[in-house]
Protein backbone atom coordinates (compact mmCIF):
# COMPACT_ATOMS: atom_id res chain seq x y z
CA SER A 1 0.00 0.00 0.00
CA THR A 2 1.15 3.55 -0.80
CA GLN A 3 -0.26 6.35 1.33
CA SER A 4 0.08 10.13 1.45
CA THR A 5 0.07 11.33 5.03
CA TRP A 6 -1.64 14.52 6.07
CA GLY A 7 -1.02 14.61 9.82
CA GLY A 8 0.87 13.16 12.72
CA HIS A 9 -1.61 10.28 13.08
CA GLN A 10 -2.35 7.95 10.16
CA VAL A 11 -4.64 4.87 9.97
CA VAL A 12 -4.53 2.45 7.02
CA ASN A 13 -7.25 -0.18 6.56
CA PHE A 14 -6.35 -2.88 4.05
CA PRO A 15 -9.09 -3.99 1.63
CA LYS A 16 -8.50 -7.59 2.73
CA PRO A 17 -6.33 -9.25 5.39
CA LEU A 18 -2.68 -9.81 4.49
CA LEU A 19 -0.77 -12.97 5.44
CA ALA A 20 2.61 -11.63 6.59
CA ASP A 21 5.63 -12.24 8.81
CA GLU A 22 6.60 -8.59 9.24
CA LEU A 23 5.60 -5.01 8.40
CA LYS A 24 7.90 -2.31 7.03
CA LEU A 25 7.21 1.43 6.65
CA ILE A 26 9.30 3.28 4.06
CA GLY A 27 9.21 7.08 3.89
CA SER A 28 9.73 8.76 0.50
CA THR A 29 10.42 12.24 1.90
CA LYS A 30 12.30 13.42 4.95
CA GLN A 31 12.60 16.51 7.11
CA PRO A 32 15.22 19.14 6.20
CA ASP A 33 17.69 17.52 8.59
CA HIS A 34 17.15 14.18 6.72
CA TRP A 35 15.58 12.41 9.70
CA MET A 36 12.14 10.84 9.97
CA ARG A 37 10.58 10.82 13.44
CA PHE A 38 8.09 8.12 14.47
CA THR A 39 6.65 7.72 17.97
CA GLU A 40 4.29 4.72 17.80
CA ILE A 41 3.41 1.95 15.31
CA TYR A 42 0.41 -0.34 15.78
CA ALA A 43 -0.65 -3.36 13.71
CA ARG A 44 -4.01 -5.02 14.31
CA GLY A 45 -5.10 -8.43 13.06
CA GLU A 46 -5.25 -12.03 14.20
CA THR A 47 -3.06 -15.11 14.35
CA ALA A 48 -2.93 -16.75 10.93
CA THR A 49 -4.52 -20.16 10.39
CA ASN A 50 -4.49 -22.63 7.50
CA LEU A 51 -1.00 -21.54 6.56
CA PRO A 52 0.28 -22.49 3.13
CA PRO A 53 3.54 -24.43 2.80
CA LEU A 54 6.69 -22.52 3.75
CA PRO A 55 8.20 -20.43 0.99
CA PRO A 56 11.04 -22.15 -0.88
CA GLY A 57 13.46 -19.60 0.53
CA GLY A 58 12.92 -20.81 4.10
CA VAL A 59 12.21 -18.93 7.31
CA PRO A 60 14.54 -16.70 9.40
CA ILE A 61 16.96 -18.90 11.39
CA LEU A 62 19.16 -16.44 13.29
CA ALA A 63 17.22 -16.27 16.57
CA GLY A 64 19.73 -16.98 19.34
CA ALA A 65 22.69 -17.03 16.94
CA THR A 66 26.09 -15.46 17.67
CA CYS A 67 28.37 -13.56 15.33
CA VAL A 68 32.12 -12.85 15.48
CA THR A 69 34.72 -11.33 13.17
CA ASN A 70 38.45 -11.95 12.76
CA ASN A 71 39.27 -8.54 14.30
CA TRP A 72 37.71 -5.18 15.12
CA LEU A 73 38.20 -1.41 15.10
CA GLY A 74 38.83 -0.27 18.66
CA ALA A 75 36.83 2.94 18.31
CA TRP A 76 33.67 0.93 17.53
CA ARG A 77 34.11 -2.36 19.42
CA GLY A 78 36.26 -3.85 22.16
CA SER A 79 36.07 -7.52 21.18
CA PRO A 80 35.38 -9.85 18.20
CA ASP A 81 31.69 -10.05 19.23
CA ALA A 82 29.64 -8.76 16.27
CA ALA A 83 26.12 -9.32 17.60
CA LYS A 84 25.26 -5.86 16.26
CA LEU A 85 25.14 -7.35 12.76
CA LEU A 86 22.20 -9.56 13.80
CA ASP A 87 20.02 -6.80 15.27
CA GLY A 88 17.96 -6.33 12.09
CA LYS A 89 18.97 -2.67 11.73
CA PRO A 90 20.98 -1.83 8.56
CA LEU A 91 22.38 1.41 9.98
CA TRP A 92 25.99 2.49 9.67
CA HIS A 93 26.49 3.58 13.25
CA PRO A 94 28.70 2.39 16.15
CA HIS A 95 25.63 0.76 17.73
CA HIS A 96 24.79 -1.28 14.62
CA GLY A 97 27.81 -1.58 12.29
CA CYS A 98 31.13 -3.40 12.46
CA HIS A 99 34.60 -3.08 10.95
CA PHE A 100 36.79 -6.12 10.21
CA THR A 101 39.40 -7.16 7.64
CA HIS A 102 39.05 -10.82 6.65
CA TRP A 103 36.02 -12.86 7.75
CA CYS A 104 32.72 -12.79 9.58
CA ALA A 105 31.22 -15.98 11.10
CA VAL A 106 27.70 -16.73 12.34
CA LYS A 107 27.01 -19.66 14.70
CA PHE A 108 23.41 -20.85 14.93
CA SER A 109 21.70 -21.60 18.23
CA ASP A 110 21.23 -25.15 16.94
CA THR A 111 21.80 -27.14 13.77
CA LYS A 112 19.91 -25.57 10.83
CA LYS A 113 19.37 -26.25 7.15
CA LEU A 114 20.78 -23.14 5.44
CA ILE A 115 19.07 -22.05 2.18
CA ARG A 116 20.01 -18.40 1.56
CA ILE A 117 21.72 -15.40 3.12
CA ALA A 118 21.63 -11.62 2.76
CA GLY A 119 23.69 -8.73 4.04
CA MET A 120 24.13 -4.97 4.04
CA GLN A 121 27.34 -2.96 3.98
CA TYR A 122 28.16 0.71 4.15
CA ALA A 123 28.17 2.03 0.59
CA SER A 124 29.89 5.05 -0.92
CA ALA A 125 31.40 6.07 -4.23
CA ALA A 126 34.68 4.49 -3.13
CA LEU A 127 33.14 1.04 -2.62
CA ARG A 128 34.72 -1.72 -4.72
CA THR A 129 33.14 -4.98 -5.83
CA THR A 130 34.38 -7.92 -3.76
CA LYS A 131 34.31 -11.70 -3.93
CA TRP A 132 33.56 -13.80 -0.87
CA LYS A 133 34.01 -17.46 -0.09
CA LEU A 134 30.82 -18.75 1.55
CA GLN A 135 31.57 -21.58 4.00
CA THR A 136 29.35 -23.62 6.30
CA LEU A 137 30.30 -24.86 9.76
CA LYS A 138 30.31 -28.64 10.06
CA LYS A 139 28.14 -30.04 12.81
CA ASN A 140 29.66 -30.34 16.31
CA GLN A 141 32.73 -28.23 15.51
CA GLY A 142 34.04 -25.16 17.32
CA GLY A 143 34.74 -23.10 14.21
CA GLY A 144 38.22 -22.06 15.28
CA ASP A 145 40.08 -24.48 13.01
CA ALA A 146 40.26 -24.26 9.22
CA ASP A 147 38.96 -27.81 8.71
CA ASP A 148 35.81 -27.01 10.75
CA TRP A 149 34.51 -25.15 7.70
CA GLN A 150 33.60 -26.47 4.27
CA ASP A 151 33.55 -24.33 1.13
CA VAL A 152 30.12 -24.01 -0.49
CA GLN A 153 30.43 -21.37 -3.22
CA VAL A 154 31.84 -17.96 -4.11
CA VAL A 155 29.53 -14.93 -4.00
CA THR A 156 30.04 -11.44 -5.42
CA TRP A 157 29.14 -8.29 -3.48
CA GLY A 158 28.93 -5.24 -5.69
CA GLY A 159 26.84 -2.70 -3.79
CA ALA A 160 25.17 -2.05 -0.49
CA LYS A 161 23.14 -5.29 -0.57
CA LEU A 162 24.19 -8.92 -0.79
CA LYS A 163 21.81 -11.72 -1.69
CA ALA A 164 22.96 -15.30 -2.17
CA ARG A 165 21.14 -18.59 -2.45
CA LEU A 166 22.99 -21.84 -1.88
CA ALA A 167 23.07 -24.24 -4.82
CA LYS A 168 21.43 -26.74 -2.46
CA PRO A 169 20.46 -26.51 1.23
CA VAL A 170 23.19 -27.46 3.70
CA GLU A 171 22.58 -28.80 7.20
CA CYS A 172 25.16 -27.03 9.36
CA ASP A 173 25.86 -25.23 12.64
CA GLY A 174 26.65 -21.86 11.06
CA PHE A 175 28.19 -20.07 8.09
CA ARG A 176 31.14 -17.80 7.37
CA LEU A 177 31.97 -15.27 4.64
CA VAL A 178 35.71 -15.03 3.95
CA LEU A 179 37.10 -12.22 1.76
CA ALA A 180 38.56 -13.73 -1.42
CA SER A 181 39.55 -10.50 -3.23
CA PRO A 182 40.99 -7.07 -2.37
CA ALA A 183 39.05 -5.27 0.36
CA PRO A 184 36.08 -3.07 -0.63
CA TYR A 185 37.85 0.07 0.63
CA SER A 186 41.43 1.25 0.17
CA ASP A 187 42.02 1.39 3.94
CA ASN A 188 41.41 -2.42 3.99
CA TRP A 189 38.50 -2.18 6.42
CA ILE A 190 35.24 -3.99 5.64
CA ARG A 191 32.16 -2.14 6.90
CA TRP A 192 29.04 -4.25 7.45
CA THR A 193 25.71 -3.30 8.99
CA LEU A 194 23.48 -6.38 8.74
CA ILE A 195 23.48 -10.16 8.20
CA GLN A 196 20.38 -12.28 7.62
CA ALA A 197 19.81 -15.98 6.89
CA TRP A 198 16.86 -18.19 5.99
CA GLY A 199 16.44 -21.92 6.03
CA GLU A 200 14.72 -24.70 7.94
CA HIS A 201 14.81 -26.06 11.46
CA PRO A 202 15.68 -29.78 11.29
CA LYS A 203 13.46 -31.93 13.46
CA VAL A 204 15.47 -32.92 16.54
CA PRO A 205 14.25 -34.41 19.83
CA ALA A 206 13.54 -31.90 22.60
CA TYR A 207 16.04 -33.05 25.24
CA LYS A 208 15.73 -31.92 28.84
CA ASN A 209 18.25 -30.03 30.91
CA ILE A 210 20.03 -32.71 32.99
CA LEU A 211 21.88 -30.41 35.40
CA LYS A 212 19.14 -30.10 38.03
CA GLY A 213 20.71 -30.99 41.36
CA ALA A 214 24.21 -31.32 39.86
CA PHE A 215 27.23 -29.67 41.44
CA CYS A 216 30.01 -27.78 39.69
CA LYS A 217 33.56 -26.98 40.74
CA THR A 218 36.53 -25.28 39.11
CA ASN A 219 40.24 -25.88 39.55
CA ASN A 220 40.64 -22.50 41.34
CA TRP A 221 38.92 -19.14 41.80
CA HIS A 222 39.38 -15.36 41.73
CA GLY A 223 39.35 -14.05 45.28
CA SER A 224 37.39 -10.91 44.39
CA TRP A 225 34.50 -12.96 42.98
CA ARG A 226 34.48 -16.24 44.97
CA ARG A 227 35.91 -17.68 48.18
CA ASN A 228 36.26 -21.32 47.03
CA ASN A 229 36.07 -23.51 43.93
CA ASP A 230 32.28 -23.96 44.14
CA GLY A 231 31.03 -23.16 40.62
CA HIS A 232 27.27 -23.35 41.19
CA LYS A 233 26.89 -19.92 39.55
CA LEU A 234 27.69 -21.56 36.20
CA LEU A 235 24.50 -23.66 36.53
CA ASP A 236 22.05 -20.82 37.35
CA ASN A 237 20.77 -20.50 33.76
CA ASN A 238 21.88 -16.85 33.61
CA PRO A 239 24.62 -16.02 31.06
CA SER A 240 25.32 -12.55 32.50
CA TRP A 241 28.94 -11.66 33.19
CA SER A 242 28.80 -10.40 36.76
CA ALA A 243 30.01 -11.46 40.19
CA ALA A 244 26.57 -12.98 40.85
CA HIS A 245 26.65 -15.26 37.79
CA GLY A 246 30.18 -15.61 36.35
CA CYS A 247 33.30 -17.50 37.41
CA HIS A 248 37.02 -17.07 36.84
CA PHE A 249 39.29 -20.13 36.64
CA THR A 250 42.60 -21.01 34.99
CA ALA A 251 42.23 -24.62 33.79
CA TRP A 252 38.88 -26.43 34.08
CA ALA A 253 35.24 -26.46 35.18
CA ALA A 254 33.68 -29.85 36.00
CA ILE A 255 30.11 -30.95 36.69
CA LYS A 256 28.92 -34.09 38.51
CA PHE A 257 25.40 -35.28 37.64
CA THR A 258 23.04 -36.60 40.31
CA GLU A 259 22.96 -39.92 38.42
CA VAL A 260 24.27 -41.41 35.21
CA LYS A 261 22.87 -39.62 32.13
CA ASP A 262 22.63 -39.97 28.38
CA VAL A 263 24.16 -36.70 27.11
CA HIS A 264 23.01 -35.52 23.68
CA LYS A 265 23.94 -31.83 23.72
CA VAL A 266 26.15 -29.44 25.69
CA GLU A 267 26.30 -25.67 25.70
CA PHE A 268 28.50 -23.07 27.36
CA PHE A 269 28.82 -19.30 27.54
CA ARG A 270 32.00 -17.34 28.07
CA TRP A 271 32.48 -13.64 28.65
CA THR A 272 31.71 -11.90 25.34
CA GLY A 273 35.23 -10.46 25.23
CA SER A 274 36.72 -13.95 24.90
CA ARG A 275 38.73 -14.59 21.75
CA ASN A 276 39.45 -17.84 19.93
CA ALA A 277 40.16 -20.45 22.59
CA PRO A 278 40.75 -24.21 22.42
CA VAL A 279 38.38 -26.11 24.73
CA LYS A 280 38.58 -29.83 25.44
CA VAL A 281 35.26 -31.44 26.44
CA GLN A 282 35.38 -34.60 28.55
CA TYR A 283 32.81 -36.89 30.15
CA LEU A 284 33.08 -38.85 33.38
CA LYS A 285 32.69 -42.49 32.40
CA TYR A 286 30.04 -44.67 33.99
CA GLY A 287 31.23 -45.71 37.43
CA GLY A 288 34.13 -43.24 37.27
CA ASP A 289 35.64 -41.25 40.11
CA PHE A 290 35.11 -37.49 39.83
CA ASN A 291 38.57 -36.83 41.30
CA SER A 292 40.46 -39.36 39.15
CA SER A 293 41.92 -37.96 35.92
CA SER A 294 41.98 -41.46 34.42
CA ASP A 295 38.16 -41.66 34.56
CA TRP A 296 37.60 -38.58 32.37
CA VAL A 297 37.36 -39.32 28.63
CA THR A 298 37.85 -36.67 25.94
CA PHE A 299 35.16 -36.75 23.25
CA LEU A 300 35.52 -33.27 21.70
CA ASP A 301 38.52 -31.06 21.08
CA LEU A 302 37.30 -27.67 19.89
CA ASN A 303 38.92 -24.42 18.86
CA THR A 304 36.00 -22.13 19.66
CA ILE A 305 35.35 -18.82 17.92
CA SER A 306 32.67 -17.25 20.08
CA GLY A 307 31.59 -16.79 23.66
CA HIS A 308 28.55 -19.04 23.13
CA GLN A 309 29.09 -22.61 21.97
CA ILE A 310 26.49 -25.32 21.32
CA ILE A 311 27.50 -28.90 20.59
CA ASN A 312 24.94 -31.42 19.31
CA LEU A 313 26.38 -34.90 19.66
CA ASP A 314 25.96 -37.27 16.74
CA LYS A 315 26.03 -40.12 19.23
CA LYS A 316 24.86 -39.97 22.83
CA VAL A 317 27.44 -40.21 25.61
CA LEU A 318 26.74 -42.25 28.76
CA ALA A 319 28.24 -40.14 31.52
CA GLU A 320 28.23 -39.32 35.22
CA GLY A 321 29.58 -35.83 34.66
CA ILE A 322 31.10 -33.45 32.15
CA ARG A 323 34.26 -31.34 32.25
CA PHE A 324 35.51 -28.43 30.14
CA ILE A 325 39.27 -27.85 29.95
CA ALA A 326 40.24 -24.41 28.67
CA LYS A 327 43.67 -24.89 27.11
CA THR A 328 44.51 -21.18 26.83
CA ARG A 329 43.84 -18.15 29.00
CA ALA A 330 43.26 -14.42 28.63
CA PRO A 331 46.38 -12.22 28.84
CA ASP A 332 45.77 -11.74 32.58
CA GLY A 333 45.81 -15.53 33.09
CA TRP A 334 42.07 -16.07 33.70
CA ASN A 335 39.24 -17.77 31.85
CA ARG A 336 35.84 -16.13 32.32
CA TRP A 337 32.76 -18.35 31.97
CA THR A 338 29.14 -17.47 32.70
CA LEU A 339 26.94 -20.50 32.06
CA ILE A 340 27.01 -24.25 31.29
CA ARG A 341 24.06 -26.36 30.15
CA ALA A 342 23.72 -30.03 29.26
CA TYR A 343 20.76 -31.82 27.70
CA GLY A 344 19.71 -35.45 27.49
CA GLY A 345 17.91 -37.94 29.70
CA ALA A 346 18.34 -40.69 32.25
CA GLY A 347 21.06 -43.19 31.38
CA THR A 348 19.90 -46.19 29.35
CA ASN A 349 21.47 -49.52 28.38
CA LEU A 350 23.82 -49.33 31.35
CA PRO A 351 26.71 -51.78 31.13
CA LYS A 352 27.44 -54.11 34.00
CA ARG A 353 29.64 -52.17 36.39
CA GLU A 354 32.36 -53.63 38.52
CA ILE A 355 31.54 -52.77 42.12
CA ALA A 356 34.41 -51.05 43.87
CA PRO A 357 35.50 -52.94 46.99
CA GLN A 358 34.76 -51.39 50.35
CA PHE A 359 37.59 -49.35 51.82
CA GLN A 360 39.16 -51.08 54.81
CA PHE A 361 40.57 -49.08 57.73
CA THR A 362 43.56 -51.38 58.25
CA PRO A 363 46.57 -50.46 60.42
CA GLY A 364 49.07 -48.25 58.60
CA THR A 365 46.51 -46.82 56.19
CA MET A 366 46.73 -43.06 55.58
CA VAL A 367 43.72 -41.19 54.23
CA ALA A 368 42.33 -37.73 53.64
CA LEU A 369 38.68 -37.16 54.54
CA LYS A 370 36.71 -35.08 52.04
CA SER A 371 33.53 -33.32 53.12
CA TRP A 372 30.31 -32.67 51.18
CA LYS A 373 31.65 -29.11 50.65
CA SER A 374 34.65 -30.59 48.75
CA ASP A 375 37.17 -29.46 51.37
CA TYR A 376 39.05 -31.73 53.78
CA LEU A 377 39.38 -32.47 57.47
CA HIS A 378 42.42 -30.42 58.53
CA ARG A 379 44.73 -30.25 61.54
CA PRO A 380 46.22 -26.73 61.59
CA ASN A 381 49.67 -25.91 62.92
CA SER A 382 48.43 -24.91 66.36
CA ALA A 383 48.46 -26.34 69.86
CA LYS A 384 45.28 -28.31 69.17
CA GLY A 385 42.10 -28.25 67.10
CA VAL A 386 40.69 -29.20 63.70
CA THR A 387 38.99 -27.30 60.88
CA SER A 388 38.44 -27.72 57.15
CA TRP A 389 40.78 -26.73 54.33
CA HIS A 390 40.78 -26.85 50.53
CA ALA A 391 43.86 -29.13 50.29
CA PRO A 392 43.87 -32.80 51.42
CA GLN A 393 45.78 -33.69 54.58
CA ALA A 394 46.84 -37.14 55.73
CA TRP A 395 45.36 -38.87 58.79
CA SER A 396 46.83 -42.18 59.95
CA VAL A 397 44.30 -44.92 60.75
CA TYR A 398 44.65 -47.12 63.84
CA PRO A 399 42.19 -49.80 65.01
CA GLY A 400 39.97 -48.80 67.94
CA SER A 401 39.43 -50.70 71.16
CA LYS A 402 36.22 -52.30 69.84
CA PRO A 403 35.32 -53.87 66.49
CA GLY A 404 34.05 -51.33 63.99
CA THR A 405 35.91 -48.41 65.59
CA VAL A 406 39.01 -46.49 64.49
CA ARG A 407 41.35 -43.83 65.81
CA LEU A 408 42.53 -41.00 63.57
CA LYS A 409 46.01 -39.62 64.19
CA SER A 410 47.06 -36.25 62.75
CA TRP A 411 50.40 -35.17 61.33
CA LYS A 412 51.06 -33.47 64.70
CA GLY A 413 50.90 -36.82 66.51
CA ASP A 414 47.62 -36.17 68.36
CA PHE A 415 44.23 -37.80 67.79
CA LEU A 416 40.83 -36.58 66.68
CA SER A 417 38.66 -36.08 69.76
CA ARG A 418 35.07 -35.11 70.65
CA VAL A 419 35.08 -32.14 73.05
CA PRO A 420 33.36 -32.80 76.40
CA GLY A 421 30.83 -29.99 75.93
CA LYS A 422 27.61 -29.64 73.94
CA GLN A 423 29.19 -30.14 70.51
CA GLY A 424 32.50 -29.81 68.67
CA VAL A 425 35.80 -31.56 67.94
CA THR A 426 39.44 -30.96 68.77
CA THR A 427 42.63 -33.02 69.11
CA LYS A 428 44.37 -34.49 72.15
CA ARG A 429 47.30 -36.77 72.92
CA ALA A 430 45.19 -39.70 74.15
CA PRO A 431 43.59 -41.78 71.35
CA GLU A 432 39.81 -41.82 71.10
CA ASP A 433 37.49 -44.27 69.35
CA TRP A 434 35.11 -43.28 66.55
CA THR A 435 32.54 -45.76 65.27
CA VAL A 436 32.62 -46.18 61.48
CA ILE A 437 29.18 -46.17 59.78
CA ARG A 438 29.26 -47.40 56.18
CA ASP A 439 27.19 -46.08 53.29
CA PRO A 440 25.41 -49.15 51.80
CA LYS A 441 25.35 -47.54 48.33
CA ASP A 442 28.87 -46.11 48.19
CA PRO A 443 31.87 -48.13 49.44
CA CYS A 444 33.97 -44.97 49.75
CA LYS A 445 31.66 -42.90 51.97
CA VAL A 446 31.55 -43.18 55.75
CA GLN A 447 30.36 -41.43 58.88
CA PHE A 448 32.24 -41.24 62.17
CA LYS A 449 30.07 -41.44 65.32
CA SER A 450 31.54 -40.12 68.56
CA PHE A 451 31.17 -41.62 72.04
CA LYS A 452 28.39 -39.03 72.61
CA GLY A 453 26.36 -40.48 69.71
CA ASP A 454 26.67 -37.55 67.31
CA GLY A 455 28.76 -37.52 64.14
CA LEU A 456 31.81 -35.71 62.82
CA HIS A 457 30.15 -32.88 60.85
CA ARG A 458 31.10 -30.28 58.23
CA PRO A 459 28.56 -27.45 58.62
CA ASN A 460 27.26 -25.27 55.79
CA SER A 461 29.70 -22.46 56.49
CA ARG A 462 32.83 -21.05 54.93
CA GLN A 463 35.09 -23.23 57.07
CA GLY A 464 35.03 -25.42 60.15
CA VAL A 465 34.21 -28.84 61.62
CA THR A 466 31.93 -29.73 64.52
CA THR A 467 29.59 -32.57 65.58
CA TRP A 468 25.91 -33.00 64.74
CA ALA A 469 23.19 -35.61 65.04
CA LYS A 470 22.66 -36.27 61.33
CA GLY A 471 22.66 -34.73 57.86
CA ILE A 472 24.75 -34.54 54.72
CA GLY A 473 27.49 -32.78 56.68
CA ASN A 474 28.15 -36.05 58.52
CA VAL A 475 29.16 -37.86 55.30
CA TRP A 476 32.86 -38.05 54.46
CA SER A 477 34.56 -39.50 51.39
CA VAL A 478 37.74 -41.51 51.92
CA VAL A 479 40.64 -40.35 49.72
CA PRO A 480 43.82 -42.47 49.94
CA ILE A 481 47.16 -40.71 50.26
CA LEU A 482 49.42 -41.59 47.32
CA PRO A 483 52.82 -43.14 48.10
CA HIS A 484 55.74 -40.79 48.72
CA VAL A 485 59.38 -41.44 47.88
CA GLY A 486 61.25 -43.07 50.74
CA GLU A 487 58.23 -44.78 52.32
CA HIS A 488 58.00 -48.53 52.95
CA LEU A 489 54.62 -49.94 51.92
CA ARG A 490 52.50 -53.05 51.94
CA LEU A 491 50.15 -53.39 48.95
CA ARG A 492 46.72 -54.82 49.78
CA SER A 493 44.53 -55.98 46.86
CA TRP A 494 40.75 -55.72 46.42
CA GLN A 495 40.50 -59.29 47.78
CA GLY A 496 42.42 -58.45 50.96
CA HIS A 497 45.60 -60.21 49.81
CA TYR A 498 49.08 -58.73 50.06
CA LEU A 499 51.67 -58.44 47.29
CA HIS A 500 54.74 -60.54 48.12
CA HIS A 501 58.09 -60.96 46.35
CA VAL A 502 59.09 -64.62 46.15
CA GLY A 503 62.03 -66.51 44.63
CA HIS A 504 64.35 -64.93 42.08
CA HIS A 505 61.89 -62.91 39.98
CA GLY A 506 58.45 -63.95 41.23
CA VAL A 507 55.52 -62.28 42.97
CA GLU A 508 52.51 -63.86 44.64
CA SER A 509 49.61 -62.89 46.90
CA LYS A 510 49.58 -63.62 50.62
CA SER A 511 46.62 -63.51 52.99
CA LYS A 512 48.48 -62.10 56.02
CA ALA A 513 50.10 -58.69 56.40
CA SER A 514 52.96 -60.29 58.31
CA GLU A 515 53.84 -62.29 55.17
CA ALA A 516 53.82 -59.30 52.82
CA THR A 517 56.89 -57.72 51.27
CA SER A 518 57.79 -54.22 52.44
CA TRP A 519 58.25 -52.27 49.21
CA LEU A 520 60.49 -49.19 49.19
CA VAL A 521 59.12 -46.31 47.09
CA GLU A 522 61.72 -44.75 44.77
CA ALA A 523 61.37 -41.87 42.31
CA GLY A 524 60.99 -42.62 38.61
CA PRO A 525 60.84 -40.30 35.58
CA HIS A 526 57.89 -37.92 35.02
CA GLY A 527 56.49 -38.35 38.53
CA GLN A 528 56.31 -42.15 38.28
CA ARG A 529 57.31 -44.49 41.09
CA ARG A 530 59.40 -47.66 41.41
CA LEU A 531 58.66 -50.28 44.08
CA ARG A 532 61.81 -52.07 45.26
CA ALA A 533 61.82 -55.35 47.18
CA GLU A 534 64.37 -56.25 49.88
CA ASP A 535 66.71 -58.01 47.42
CA GLY A 536 66.95 -54.94 45.15
CA ASP A 537 64.59 -56.14 42.37
CA TYR A 538 61.64 -53.96 41.34
CA LEU A 539 57.99 -54.73 40.70
CA HIS A 540 57.98 -55.14 36.91
CA ARG A 541 55.55 -55.38 34.00
CA LYS A 542 56.84 -57.42 31.05
CA ASP A 543 57.98 -55.45 27.99
CA LEU A 544 55.68 -56.62 25.19
CA PRO A 545 52.13 -55.18 25.20
CA HIS A 546 50.46 -58.61 24.99
CA GLU A 547 52.51 -59.99 27.90
CA LYS A 548 50.40 -59.22 30.97
CA GLU A 549 52.47 -61.06 33.57
CA VAL A 550 53.86 -59.15 36.58
CA LEU A 551 57.16 -60.19 38.18
CA THR A 552 60.28 -58.50 39.62
CA TRP A 553 63.31 -57.29 37.64
CA ASP A 554 66.41 -55.23 38.19
CA PHE A 555 65.97 -52.62 35.41
CA GLY A 556 63.76 -51.49 32.52
CA GLU A 557 60.72 -49.34 31.76
CA GLY A 558 58.52 -52.07 33.19
CA ASN A 559 59.73 -51.01 36.67
CA GLU A 560 57.92 -47.65 36.39
CA TRP A 561 54.37 -47.21 37.72
CA LYS A 562 52.09 -44.21 37.94
CA ALA A 563 50.05 -44.14 41.15
CA MET A 564 46.62 -42.50 40.96
CA ASN A 565 43.43 -42.30 43.00
CA SER A 566 40.30 -44.09 41.81
CA HIS A 567 37.31 -43.94 44.16
CA CYS A 568 38.79 -44.75 47.57
CA HIS A 569 41.58 -46.95 46.21
CA ILE A 570 44.85 -46.55 44.36
CA LEU A 571 45.66 -47.74 40.86
CA PHE A 572 49.18 -48.49 39.62
CA GLN A 573 49.39 -47.82 35.89
CA SER A 574 52.23 -49.36 33.85
CA TYR A 575 54.09 -47.64 31.03
CA HIS A 576 51.85 -49.56 28.60
CA GLY A 577 48.78 -47.90 30.11
CA ASP A 578 47.29 -50.99 31.78
CA TYR A 579 47.02 -51.54 35.53
CA LEU A 580 48.47 -53.81 38.22
CA SER A 581 45.69 -56.26 39.12
CA GLU A 582 44.97 -59.41 41.06
CA THR A 583 42.56 -61.78 39.33
CA GLU A 584 39.80 -63.62 41.16
CA LYS A 585 42.12 -66.67 41.25
CA GLY A 586 44.97 -64.67 42.77
CA ALA A 587 47.18 -64.26 39.70
CA LEU A 588 49.12 -60.97 39.46
CA VAL A 589 48.77 -59.46 35.98
CA THR A 590 47.95 -56.17 34.26
CA THR A 591 44.42 -55.42 33.00
CA ASP A 592 42.39 -52.56 31.55
CA GLY A 593 41.36 -51.61 35.08
CA SER A 594 39.27 -54.53 36.31
CA HIS A 595 40.28 -55.85 39.76
CA ALA A 596 42.97 -53.15 39.88
CA GLN A 597 42.06 -51.49 43.20
CA TRP A 598 44.76 -51.43 45.86
CA GLN A 599 45.18 -50.02 49.33
CA ILE A 600 48.58 -49.15 50.70
CA GLU A 601 49.64 -49.58 54.29
CA ARG A 602 52.72 -47.86 55.66
CA ALA A 603 54.97 -50.68 56.88
């Protein structure tokens, strides 16, 4: 419709209803200062019914998309974020336009079928015709590596407007336009004001958010924003970069689900000023230990190009958690993340899981006790007392005076003790019994009941330990202390047998601690350990990969073992990557991890 206005208020009634997605008003004359001034626009009608098939050019598909460029002009932007190009306003203005020199990339909110694109650039008499390489982003790729993109066609841009239709629709996670000719202006800056895209939304299942009830932690924290490594702010569904919602860290952020899940899609948001950054995505395997690096499996290695990344998995991942490792940092040494999401459902087709053996508080065992707040029972360097601390600390275990009780001795030589008063704990020279209460569902979690009937308790506070009748604060996870160089150890298997050196080069299992070999821990290369018997031979894995036998030998790479925590036990990994194990029949071999749990007792 074309109308001549005669006042400040104009009403247009159409002869018949129009089926439309949008309404545009175009003025043919302007005020002397070249501006048009509107105050209100109303459109009245009803929701359309009996819609015809979608137009062959598709529907708009940029809702929720992100846009970045290879660089920026500091006077107009402070980062590669080019969201201004997606605001629907083709104005050449610092609030709506962007400078760059080489490429501009758009990442969809989800996988789309791309049919056509359009764009607007600032035009003047000096504008030159340019050629652009149109590329699409392969599914489940970060976009930061050259092979993440596939060439589709070359398009020519000769004026203010660009319109390009793909030779055939492409299902992809985004698209990129890369300059393939001299820049449109002699100063080498490209000046864009708008990007649009049309296509189709592929039919994908609507997966649920699976992070309800999950907990998140980071490897460290920025003291001005947080007081510990609790990363719950990353799960609050708010991508704002502020102290209330964002987190600094230097290496990783990890999430533990409430139960095993089928993961189909993950999503994360970083501060919008973030540049290209490699991110490794890992999942915690079924039955894995959150604190054991060997139980995290890498399934994506991305070089991300934007602050918002969505990854649709071609194949579901059965996981108990998910971890993001940021392999580079900002110039000040920090990564800045604002939100993590994961989608899927309850775990299905669960494989048979080997049940971890129950931790045994045998004499000579040294453990750290981890609270529900992810800090540890701690004996400070003071006359007496206990608290909590972020780093693990060793407590020596001694049997109590009655069955089912233990005594916990600190590094200062005193014992954990219940104070005589209403509640609380301290330390004293005389040993004191604590009754061990096992968790029937988790062999590595325990409670310690005092002689007063209450339990050792980590309250919901910044720091501290007390006693309380019941609650999650009474639950402690047992974390074994890894062997240190110079210690003499006994190795106790998952069956309760002890590793013993016999004969010239043999090893066997013994049922009594008194019959076990005392192994001396020596330093190996790259943080590995060697275990030396009394006659000078070392615990040894045979050289060839298919030879699984364990014996003793005087030299060789087979003498080197990497000790690591797994649940409440210790694994010894050989240089071939398999693990010291005792079979159900008592044979000592190496396996992929089955029957590989060991406890160590200081001899």
